Amino acid sequence: MRPHHPRGSTAPGRRDLFKAGAAALGGVGAASALSGCSTSSSDPLQFWQFYAPVDQQDPNLVAQSNWFLDQLKGWTDAGERPIDAVYIPGYTDPTNTRLVTAFASGAGPDLFLISPGDFLRYYNGGVLEDLTPYMTQEAIDDFYPQALATRTVDGHVYGLPMEQEPLAIFYDIAAFEEHGLSEGDLPTTWEQMLDLGQQMTGGERAGLVLETLPGYYQNFTYYPWLWQSGGDVIDVDSQQPIFDSEAGIRSLQLFQDAITSGAAPRTRPANGDIVSALTGGYAAMWQGGIFDVEALRQNAPDYEYGVLTLPAPAGRESVTALGGWAWCVNARGKDPEAAARFAVEVMGSMSQQSIDAGVEWNGVAKGNIPARTSVTEAIGNSGAFEEPILQQFRDEILPTGRAEPRYPPVIYKAVSNAIQSTQLGGADAAEQAATAHGAIESYLETYEGGPLL
């Protein structure tokens, strides 16, 4: 899940959500919204996303915007139906209901981006085009299983991931040196992380920065701590909640302890911008993701920092979460067939053009872990991956990763409420785990939709 402008999330799932209206967070309206519109075959299709076109000076964002525009131009120049890039401000903000509202009014875009956290909203609503018929088996097999799993139901592909985005801890080398600390002092356990966070907190500097804003992104950053404890929200085999557990309580308690101990602040410094926070001396350690590496390289090329795998409870292994956005096609759009062919041609084909597009996105414009084997092999250690930090993400941190879960909004919200109440509200972790568990259990009694992963 967080682009360098507000990713704020992974984003907003559930039993025919499009018929459930406001019963779920940001619910979509009536089923009649799913009807398509009759338009001329020459009318441009629309691709809603948060990369292009942009009017900003940030070279990182400009490179990503240009990549999108180049893909659209190449498609149009080949004589295919034109597709317009439509930039949606606040696209990743879970309070922004523009995409949901568009579908509810029958005016959903032809193509759009979703995170794993938002997949079930649209799959259960019946608006995702099955992309499998447009793909070869070789291309499907080219995707890493953990990247594709959360966009697949019963062997059918409904979204093509652009990337994988593992989380880690970024740290300011100068701050560690000021405290007489070296690489040998980097934390490997929760206790060490909180102790160092307390030590390095002082003046305007926060020792450890965790996400504090409620939203899909905060849930995304929380899941690894839950998994490291041996827990989960949902048992995949039984499809039943298991959140009310020692692991659920322990991970919620970690978020509370980080605040109450003084290791972490209640709000993220520098308006939540990792570049300003680290380079300005406002943070010593920051939980972020691979998407932050390119932002630091573009905006602070001489700044010295390091990354480390997420510390784990003593005696347990580190686990991270793998986010990433995927291209989806509106099955009720103006021309699903053309939109699907475009999506597959760029993101899910074994053609050299498709592989090159993945190389350009992950190895140049974005600096991300690819979602496909062929793209990883083509990049090698060239381009952005000459950067040792990116190689560390690929070689050390990625292998500890699990795919970001896909849960309907009701489940997301129950977990989010537990995090917020414990972290910032001072509520009892055990009570919050039990409350969230109960809400999820009640919801699942009538749930009908894609499996929870």
Protein backbone atom coordinates (compact mmCIF):
# COMPACT_ATOMS: atom_id res chain seq x y z
CA MET A 1 0.00 0.00 0.00
CA ARG A 2 1.48 4.48 0.15
CA PRO A 3 2.53 6.42 -2.89
CA HIS A 4 4.68 9.38 -2.07
CA HIS A 5 1.72 11.69 -2.31
CA PRO A 6 -0.96 10.56 0.13
CA ARG A 7 -1.37 6.87 -0.33
CA GLY A 8 -3.06 6.97 2.98
CA SER A 9 -4.11 3.47 2.54
CA THR A 10 -4.70 0.54 0.98
CA ALA A 11 -8.25 1.28 0.21
CA PRO A 12 -11.79 0.47 1.12
CA GLY A 13 -15.81 -5.44 0.18
CA ARG A 14 -18.65 -7.68 0.97
CA ARG A 15 -21.80 -9.48 0.31
CA ASP A 16 -23.29 -7.77 -2.72
CA LEU A 17 -22.11 -4.47 -1.36
CA PHE A 18 -23.63 -2.66 -4.28
CA LYS A 19 -27.04 -3.64 -2.93
CA ALA A 20 -26.22 -2.90 0.66
CA GLY A 21 -25.82 0.84 0.42
CA ALA A 22 -24.61 2.52 3.56
CA ALA A 23 -24.64 -0.69 5.59
CA ALA A 24 -20.89 -0.85 4.99
CA LEU A 25 -18.25 1.85 5.09
CA GLY A 26 -18.52 3.75 1.85
CA GLY A 27 -21.12 1.28 0.58
CA VAL A 28 -22.24 1.46 -3.00
CA GLY A 29 -25.87 2.09 -3.80
CA ALA A 30 -28.53 0.22 -5.75
CA ALA A 31 -27.92 -2.72 -8.03
CA SER A 32 -29.34 -0.72 -10.91
CA ALA A 33 -26.07 1.18 -10.81
CA LEU A 34 -24.45 -1.77 -12.51
CA SER A 35 -26.16 -1.13 -15.82
CA GLY A 36 -23.82 -0.04 -18.55
CA CYS A 37 -24.24 2.97 -20.79
CA SER A 38 -24.69 3.09 -24.51
CA THR A 39 -21.98 5.25 -26.09
CA SER A 40 -20.30 5.73 -29.42
CA SER A 41 -17.40 3.38 -30.11
CA SER A 42 -15.24 6.44 -30.70
CA ASP A 43 -15.82 7.89 -27.23
CA PRO A 44 -12.65 7.59 -25.13
CA LEU A 45 -12.68 5.14 -22.26
CA GLN A 46 -11.64 6.43 -18.85
CA PHE A 47 -8.89 5.13 -16.57
CA TRP A 48 -9.26 6.50 -13.04
CA GLN A 49 -6.10 6.51 -10.96
CA PHE A 50 -3.88 8.79 -8.89
CA TYR A 51 -0.77 9.09 -11.04
CA ALA A 52 -1.66 10.96 -14.23
CA PRO A 53 -1.94 13.53 -15.48
CA VAL A 54 -0.26 15.56 -12.75
CA ASP A 55 0.85 19.16 -12.62
CA GLN A 56 3.56 18.93 -9.99
CA GLN A 57 7.29 19.48 -9.81
CA ASP A 58 8.05 16.31 -7.86
CA PRO A 59 10.20 14.35 -10.36
CA ASN A 60 9.08 11.08 -8.81
CA LEU A 61 5.42 11.81 -9.55
CA VAL A 62 6.16 13.20 -13.00
CA ALA A 63 7.99 10.01 -13.98
CA GLN A 64 5.07 7.87 -12.84
CA SER A 65 2.55 10.12 -14.58
CA ASN A 66 4.52 10.00 -17.81
CA TRP A 67 4.64 6.21 -17.65
CA PHE A 68 0.84 6.03 -17.53
CA LEU A 69 0.44 8.55 -20.32
CA ASP A 70 2.96 6.69 -22.48
CA GLN A 71 0.99 3.42 -22.13
CA LEU A 72 -2.23 5.16 -23.14
CA LYS A 73 -0.58 6.91 -26.08
CA GLY A 74 0.94 3.69 -27.37
CA TRP A 75 -2.48 2.03 -27.28
CA THR A 76 -4.16 4.89 -29.14
CA ASP A 77 -1.34 5.18 -31.69
CA ALA A 78 -1.85 1.50 -32.51
CA GLY A 79 -5.36 2.39 -33.70
CA GLU A 80 -7.21 1.14 -30.64
CA ARG A 81 -10.06 2.89 -28.88
CA PRO A 82 -8.64 5.91 -27.01
CA ILE A 83 -8.40 5.83 -23.24
CA ASP A 84 -8.16 8.99 -21.16
CA ALA A 85 -6.22 9.16 -17.91
CA VAL A 86 -8.42 10.71 -15.23
CA TYR A 87 -6.59 11.88 -12.14
CA ILE A 88 -8.66 11.54 -8.97
CA PRO A 89 -7.45 13.70 -6.09
CA GLY A 90 -7.56 11.89 -2.77
CA TYR A 91 -8.05 8.58 -4.56
CA THR A 92 -6.36 6.66 -1.74
CA ASP A 93 -8.20 8.44 1.07
CA PRO A 94 -10.76 6.00 2.52
CA THR A 95 -13.15 8.89 3.15
CA ASN A 96 -13.17 9.74 -0.56
CA THR A 97 -16.26 8.01 -1.94
CA ARG A 98 -15.97 9.33 -5.50
CA LEU A 99 -15.18 5.93 -7.05
CA VAL A 100 -17.90 4.16 -5.08
CA THR A 101 -20.41 6.89 -5.89
CA ALA A 102 -19.55 6.73 -9.58
CA PHE A 103 -20.38 3.03 -9.69
CA ALA A 104 -23.54 3.61 -7.68
CA SER A 105 -24.73 6.14 -10.25
CA GLY A 106 -23.93 3.91 -13.22
CA ALA A 107 -20.96 6.03 -14.25
CA GLY A 108 -18.06 3.92 -13.03
CA PRO A 109 -14.78 4.26 -14.95
CA ASP A 110 -13.78 1.70 -17.56
CA LEU A 111 -10.50 0.97 -15.82
CA PHE A 112 -9.44 1.77 -12.29
CA LEU A 113 -6.87 0.95 -9.63
CA ILE A 114 -7.64 -0.98 -6.46
CA SER A 115 -5.56 -2.37 -3.63
CA PRO A 116 -6.10 -5.87 -2.21
CA GLY A 117 -8.01 -4.27 0.66
CA ASP A 118 -10.63 -2.98 -1.76
CA PHE A 119 -10.93 -6.04 -3.99
CA LEU A 120 -14.01 -7.66 -2.42
CA ARG A 121 -16.04 -4.45 -2.56
CA TYR A 122 -15.97 -4.58 -6.34
CA TYR A 123 -15.78 -8.33 -6.86
CA ASN A 124 -18.79 -8.94 -4.64
CA GLY A 125 -20.58 -6.11 -6.41
CA GLY A 126 -20.22 -7.93 -9.72
CA VAL A 127 -18.42 -5.15 -11.55
CA LEU A 128 -15.02 -6.73 -12.16
CA GLU A 129 -14.36 -8.11 -15.61
CA ASP A 130 -12.83 -11.58 -15.67
CA LEU A 131 -9.45 -11.05 -17.35
CA THR A 132 -8.57 -14.75 -17.60
CA PRO A 133 -9.96 -15.23 -21.14
CA TYR A 134 -7.63 -12.49 -22.39
CA MET A 135 -4.50 -14.04 -20.84
CA THR A 136 -2.29 -16.99 -21.65
CA GLN A 137 -1.55 -19.54 -18.94
CA GLU A 138 2.11 -18.67 -19.30
CA ALA A 139 1.36 -15.06 -18.41
CA ILE A 140 -0.78 -16.06 -15.43
CA ASP A 141 2.00 -18.32 -14.17
CA ASP A 142 4.48 -15.46 -14.62
CA PHE A 143 2.92 -13.59 -11.70
CA TYR A 144 4.24 -14.38 -8.25
CA PRO A 145 1.54 -16.38 -6.43
CA GLN A 146 1.39 -14.00 -3.46
CA ALA A 147 0.94 -11.04 -5.81
CA LEU A 148 -1.92 -12.53 -7.80
CA ALA A 149 -3.74 -14.54 -5.11
CA THR A 150 -5.74 -11.67 -3.66
CA ARG A 151 -6.98 -10.68 -7.12
CA THR A 152 -8.07 -14.20 -8.06
CA VAL A 153 -11.26 -16.15 -7.30
CA ASP A 154 -11.73 -19.81 -8.28
CA GLY A 155 -8.81 -19.58 -10.66
CA HIS A 156 -10.16 -16.49 -12.44
CA VAL A 157 -8.10 -13.29 -12.53
CA TYR A 158 -9.95 -10.04 -11.82
CA GLY A 159 -7.05 -7.66 -11.31
CA LEU A 160 -3.49 -7.34 -12.62
CA PRO A 161 -1.00 -6.21 -9.97
CA MET A 162 1.55 -3.63 -10.97
CA GLU A 163 3.96 -4.23 -8.12
CA GLN A 164 4.66 -5.57 -4.66
CA GLU A 165 5.28 -3.13 -1.82
CA PRO A 166 6.83 -4.67 1.31
CA LEU A 167 7.00 -2.71 4.56
CA ALA A 168 10.11 -2.13 6.67
CA ILE A 169 11.60 0.26 9.20
CA PHE A 170 13.53 3.21 7.78
CA TYR A 171 16.11 4.74 10.12
CA ASP A 172 18.18 7.89 10.21
CA ILE A 173 21.87 6.95 10.36
CA ALA A 174 22.85 10.33 11.87
CA ALA A 175 20.35 9.92 14.72
CA PHE A 176 21.79 6.51 15.58
CA GLU A 177 25.31 7.88 15.48
CA GLU A 178 24.36 10.77 17.75
CA HIS A 179 23.35 8.20 20.36
CA GLY A 180 26.52 6.17 19.90
CA LEU A 181 24.65 3.39 18.13
CA SER A 182 25.89 1.31 15.22
CA GLU A 183 24.44 -1.32 12.90
CA GLY A 184 24.93 -3.87 15.65
CA ASP A 185 22.38 -1.96 17.72
CA LEU A 186 19.57 -2.10 15.17
CA PRO A 187 16.47 -3.57 16.82
CA THR A 188 15.40 -7.11 16.04
CA THR A 189 12.70 -7.44 18.73
CA TRP A 190 9.71 -5.34 19.74
CA GLU A 191 11.29 -4.59 23.10
CA GLN A 192 14.49 -3.32 21.49
CA MET A 193 12.49 -1.21 19.03
CA LEU A 194 10.49 0.49 21.77
CA ASP A 195 13.59 0.99 23.93
CA LEU A 196 15.42 2.66 21.06
CA GLY A 197 12.34 4.70 20.22
CA GLN A 198 12.31 6.04 23.77
CA GLN A 199 16.05 6.74 23.74
CA MET A 200 15.96 8.72 20.52
CA THR A 201 12.81 10.69 21.27
CA GLY A 202 13.63 14.22 22.35
CA GLY A 203 13.21 17.81 21.26
CA GLU A 204 11.44 17.78 17.90
CA ARG A 205 12.52 14.24 17.07
CA ALA A 206 10.23 11.21 17.39
CA GLY A 207 12.12 8.00 18.03
CA LEU A 208 9.68 5.70 16.25
CA VAL A 209 6.88 6.63 13.87
CA LEU A 210 3.95 4.30 13.30
CA GLU A 211 0.81 5.16 11.33
CA THR A 212 -1.82 6.80 13.51
CA LEU A 213 -4.45 7.89 10.98
CA PRO A 214 -7.37 5.46 10.70
CA GLY A 215 -7.73 3.94 7.27
CA TYR A 216 -6.83 1.04 5.07
CA TYR A 217 -3.20 2.03 5.14
CA GLN A 218 -3.01 1.86 8.92
CA ASN A 219 -4.55 -1.61 8.85
CA PHE A 220 -1.99 -2.57 6.23
CA THR A 221 0.85 -1.45 8.49
CA TYR A 222 -0.70 -3.25 11.48
CA TYR A 223 -1.12 -6.71 9.95
CA PRO A 224 2.58 -7.67 10.09
CA TRP A 225 2.69 -7.15 13.87
CA LEU A 226 -0.39 -9.36 14.23
CA TRP A 227 1.09 -12.06 11.99
CA GLN A 228 4.44 -11.98 13.78
CA SER A 229 2.60 -12.79 16.99
CA GLY A 230 1.16 -15.91 15.38
CA GLY A 231 -2.32 -14.46 14.87
CA ASP A 232 -4.65 -13.33 12.13
CA VAL A 233 -8.02 -11.67 11.63
CA ILE A 234 -9.59 -14.56 9.69
CA ASP A 235 -8.68 -18.24 9.57
CA VAL A 236 -8.44 -18.92 5.83
CA ASP A 237 -9.51 -22.56 6.10
CA SER A 238 -12.62 -22.03 8.24
CA GLN A 239 -13.33 -18.47 7.03
CA GLN A 240 -14.08 -17.58 10.66
CA PRO A 241 -12.58 -14.82 12.83
CA ILE A 242 -9.65 -15.62 15.13
CA PHE A 243 -8.83 -12.04 16.11
CA ASP A 244 -9.75 -12.46 19.79
CA SER A 245 -6.52 -14.23 20.65
CA GLU A 246 -3.30 -13.69 22.53
CA ALA A 247 -1.72 -12.55 19.27
CA GLY A 248 -4.51 -10.06 18.53
CA ILE A 249 -4.26 -8.61 22.01
CA ARG A 250 -0.47 -8.51 21.95
CA SER A 251 -0.28 -6.67 18.64
CA LEU A 252 -2.88 -4.10 19.69
CA GLN A 253 -0.97 -3.63 22.92
CA LEU A 254 2.20 -2.93 20.95
CA PHE A 255 0.54 0.02 19.24
CA GLN A 256 -0.64 1.34 22.60
CA ASP A 257 2.70 0.78 24.30
CA ALA A 258 4.50 2.66 21.53
CA ILE A 259 2.47 5.74 22.41
CA THR A 260 2.28 5.45 26.20
CA SER A 261 6.01 4.72 26.52
CA GLY A 262 6.88 7.85 24.60
CA ALA A 263 8.62 5.86 21.87
CA ALA A 264 6.15 7.04 19.21
CA PRO A 265 4.08 10.22 18.75
CA ARG A 266 0.29 10.41 18.52
CA THR A 267 0.54 12.13 15.14
CA ARG A 268 3.12 11.57 12.46
CA PRO A 269 5.59 14.47 12.15
CA ALA A 270 6.13 16.61 9.06
CA ASN A 271 2.51 16.15 7.97
CA GLY A 272 3.15 12.47 7.44
CA ASP A 273 5.88 12.99 4.86
CA ILE A 274 8.75 10.56 5.42
CA VAL A 275 11.21 12.61 3.36
CA SER A 276 10.69 15.79 5.38
CA ALA A 277 10.55 13.90 8.67
CA LEU A 278 13.78 11.97 8.24
CA THR A 279 15.83 14.64 6.49
CA GLY A 280 14.57 17.36 8.84
CA GLY A 281 15.49 15.45 11.99
CA TYR A 282 11.89 14.89 13.03
CA ALA A 283 12.08 11.09 13.08
CA ALA A 284 14.73 8.50 13.90
CA MET A 285 12.77 5.39 12.83
CA TRP A 286 9.74 5.24 10.56
CA GLN A 287 7.60 2.31 9.45
CA GLY A 288 7.30 2.75 5.71
CA GLY A 289 7.50 0.79 2.50
CA ILE A 290 9.57 0.30 -0.61
CA PHE A 291 7.53 3.08 -2.23
CA ASP A 292 9.43 5.52 0.02
CA VAL A 293 12.85 4.65 -1.40
CA GLU A 294 12.33 6.41 -4.71
CA ALA A 295 10.81 9.43 -2.95
CA LEU A 296 13.95 9.75 -0.83
CA ARG A 297 16.21 9.25 -3.84
CA GLN A 298 14.43 11.88 -5.91
CA ASN A 299 13.96 14.48 -3.18
CA ALA A 300 16.98 13.91 -0.92
CA PRO A 301 19.62 12.12 -3.00
CA ASP A 302 22.46 12.79 -0.56
CA TYR A 303 20.58 11.77 2.57
CA GLU A 304 21.99 8.73 4.39
CA TYR A 305 19.53 6.26 5.84
CA GLY A 306 19.06 2.53 6.26
CA VAL A 307 16.23 0.03 6.36
CA LEU A 308 15.69 -3.03 8.49
CA THR A 309 13.19 -5.87 8.54
CA LEU A 310 10.30 -5.33 10.90
CA PRO A 311 11.36 -6.36 14.42
CA ALA A 312 9.48 -9.38 15.76
CA PRO A 313 8.45 -10.56 19.21
CA ALA A 314 11.35 -12.30 20.94
CA GLY A 315 11.70 -15.82 19.62
CA ARG A 316 9.55 -15.27 16.52
CA GLU A 317 10.33 -14.55 12.87
CA SER A 318 9.90 -11.22 11.11
CA VAL A 319 6.92 -10.94 8.76
CA THR A 320 6.00 -8.05 6.50
CA ALA A 321 2.95 -7.19 4.41
CA LEU A 322 3.06 -6.95 0.63
CA GLY A 323 0.85 -4.26 -0.79
CA GLY A 324 0.58 -3.00 -4.32
CA TRP A 325 -2.05 -1.68 -6.69
CA ALA A 326 -3.78 -3.57 -9.48
CA TRP A 327 -5.49 -2.65 -12.73
CA CYS A 328 -9.15 -3.66 -12.88
CA VAL A 329 -11.73 -3.41 -15.65
CA ASN A 330 -15.36 -2.43 -15.20
CA ALA A 331 -17.48 -5.30 -16.53
CA ARG A 332 -20.35 -2.84 -17.03
CA GLY A 333 -18.26 -0.14 -18.67
CA LYS A 334 -18.51 1.31 -22.15
CA ASP A 335 -16.29 -1.34 -23.76
CA PRO A 336 -15.05 -4.02 -21.32
CA GLU A 337 -13.45 -6.01 -24.12
CA ALA A 338 -11.23 -3.14 -25.27
CA ALA A 339 -10.41 -2.15 -21.69
CA ALA A 340 -9.48 -5.73 -20.82
CA ARG A 341 -7.28 -6.11 -23.88
CA PHE A 342 -5.47 -2.91 -22.97
CA ALA A 343 -4.97 -3.95 -19.35
CA VAL A 344 -3.62 -7.35 -20.34
CA GLU A 345 -1.45 -5.97 -23.12
CA VAL A 346 0.32 -3.62 -20.71
CA MET A 347 0.24 -5.55 -17.43
CA GLY A 348 -0.39 -9.22 -18.16
CA SER A 349 1.09 -10.39 -21.44
CA MET A 350 4.31 -12.26 -22.21
CA SER A 351 5.02 -9.83 -25.04
CA GLN A 352 8.29 -7.95 -24.84
CA GLN A 353 6.30 -4.71 -24.70
CA SER A 354 4.47 -5.84 -21.59
CA ILE A 355 7.67 -6.99 -19.87
CA ASP A 356 9.37 -3.73 -20.84
CA ALA A 357 6.47 -1.75 -19.38
CA GLY A 358 6.89 -3.64 -16.09
CA VAL A 359 10.61 -2.97 -16.13
CA GLU A 360 10.05 0.73 -16.75
CA TRP A 361 7.45 0.99 -13.96
CA ASN A 362 9.17 -1.04 -11.28
CA GLY A 363 12.78 -0.47 -12.22
CA VAL A 364 12.70 3.19 -13.22
CA ALA A 365 9.55 5.23 -12.55
CA LYS A 366 8.43 3.71 -9.22
CA GLY A 367 11.30 1.62 -7.88
CA ASN A 368 9.13 -1.26 -6.65
CA ILE A 369 9.36 -5.02 -6.40
CA PRO A 370 7.80 -6.42 -9.59
CA ALA A 371 4.75 -8.67 -9.42
CA ARG A 372 6.09 -10.86 -12.23
CA THR A 373 9.07 -13.19 -12.55
CA SER A 374 9.93 -12.07 -16.08
CA VAL A 375 10.08 -8.43 -15.02
CA THR A 376 12.28 -9.21 -12.01
CA GLU A 377 14.67 -11.15 -14.20
CA ALA A 378 14.75 -8.41 -16.83
CA ILE A 379 15.57 -5.73 -14.26
CA GLY A 380 18.27 -7.73 -12.49
CA ASN A 381 20.50 -5.28 -10.64
CA SER A 382 20.15 -2.56 -13.26
CA GLY A 383 18.26 0.72 -13.19
CA ALA A 384 16.75 1.55 -9.84
CA PHE A 385 17.94 -1.78 -8.48
CA GLU A 386 21.53 -0.61 -8.57
CA GLU A 387 20.40 1.02 -5.32
CA PRO A 388 21.53 -1.22 -2.41
CA ILE A 389 18.44 -0.34 -0.38
CA LEU A 390 16.17 -1.67 -3.12
CA GLN A 391 18.27 -4.81 -3.36
CA GLN A 392 17.86 -5.22 0.39
CA PHE A 393 14.08 -4.95 0.01
CA ARG A 394 14.11 -7.52 -2.78
CA ASP A 395 16.57 -9.99 -1.29
CA GLU A 396 16.01 -9.71 2.48
CA ILE A 397 12.62 -8.15 3.19
CA LEU A 398 10.43 -9.49 0.37
CA PRO A 399 11.00 -13.14 1.37
CA THR A 400 9.43 -12.38 4.77
CA GLY A 401 6.25 -11.06 3.13
CA ARG A 402 2.62 -12.07 3.07
CA ALA A 403 0.03 -10.67 0.70
CA GLU A 404 -2.06 -7.82 2.03
CA PRO A 405 -5.42 -9.31 3.10
CA ARG A 406 -8.64 -8.70 1.24
CA TYR A 407 -11.48 -8.07 3.65
CA PRO A 408 -14.88 -6.43 3.15
CA PRO A 409 -15.26 -2.94 4.66
CA VAL A 410 -17.12 -4.21 7.74
CA ILE A 411 -14.14 -6.36 8.70
CA TYR A 412 -11.66 -3.63 7.87
CA LYS A 413 -13.63 -1.20 10.01
CA ALA A 414 -13.83 -3.54 13.00
CA VAL A 415 -10.06 -3.96 12.98
CA SER A 416 -9.49 -0.25 12.41
CA ASN A 417 -11.71 0.66 15.37
CA ALA A 418 -9.77 -1.74 17.59
CA ILE A 419 -6.44 -0.24 16.53
CA GLN A 420 -7.58 3.33 17.03
CA SER A 421 -9.31 2.71 20.37
CA THR A 422 -6.26 0.93 21.74
CA GLN A 423 -3.52 3.04 20.22
CA LEU A 424 -4.92 6.52 20.76
CA GLY A 425 -7.96 6.03 23.00
CA GLY A 426 -6.19 4.12 25.75
CA ALA A 427 -8.76 1.31 25.63
CA ASP A 428 -8.03 -2.17 26.94
CA ALA A 429 -6.47 -4.29 24.18
CA ALA A 430 -8.26 -7.47 25.25
CA GLU A 431 -11.64 -5.76 25.24
CA GLN A 432 -11.02 -4.24 21.82
CA ALA A 433 -9.91 -7.57 20.34
CA ALA A 434 -13.08 -9.19 21.69
CA THR A 435 -15.32 -6.38 20.41
CA ALA A 436 -13.83 -6.52 16.92
CA HIS A 437 -14.02 -10.31 16.89
CA GLY A 438 -17.69 -10.21 17.82
CA ALA A 439 -18.54 -7.68 15.13
CA ILE A 440 -16.74 -9.74 12.49
CA GLU A 441 -18.39 -12.95 13.66
CA SER A 442 -21.87 -11.42 13.43
CA TYR A 443 -21.16 -10.05 9.98
CA LEU A 444 -19.90 -13.35 8.63
CA GLU A 445 -23.09 -15.13 9.66
CA THR A 446 -24.79 -13.72 6.57
CA TYR A 447 -21.77 -13.02 4.36
CA GLU A 448 -21.98 -14.20 0.76
CA GLY A 449 -19.07 -13.29 -1.42
CA GLY A 450 -15.51 -14.05 -2.41
CA PRO A 451 -13.33 -15.92 0.07
CA LEU A 452 -11.46 -13.88 2.68
CA LEU A 453 -7.71 -14.14 2.26
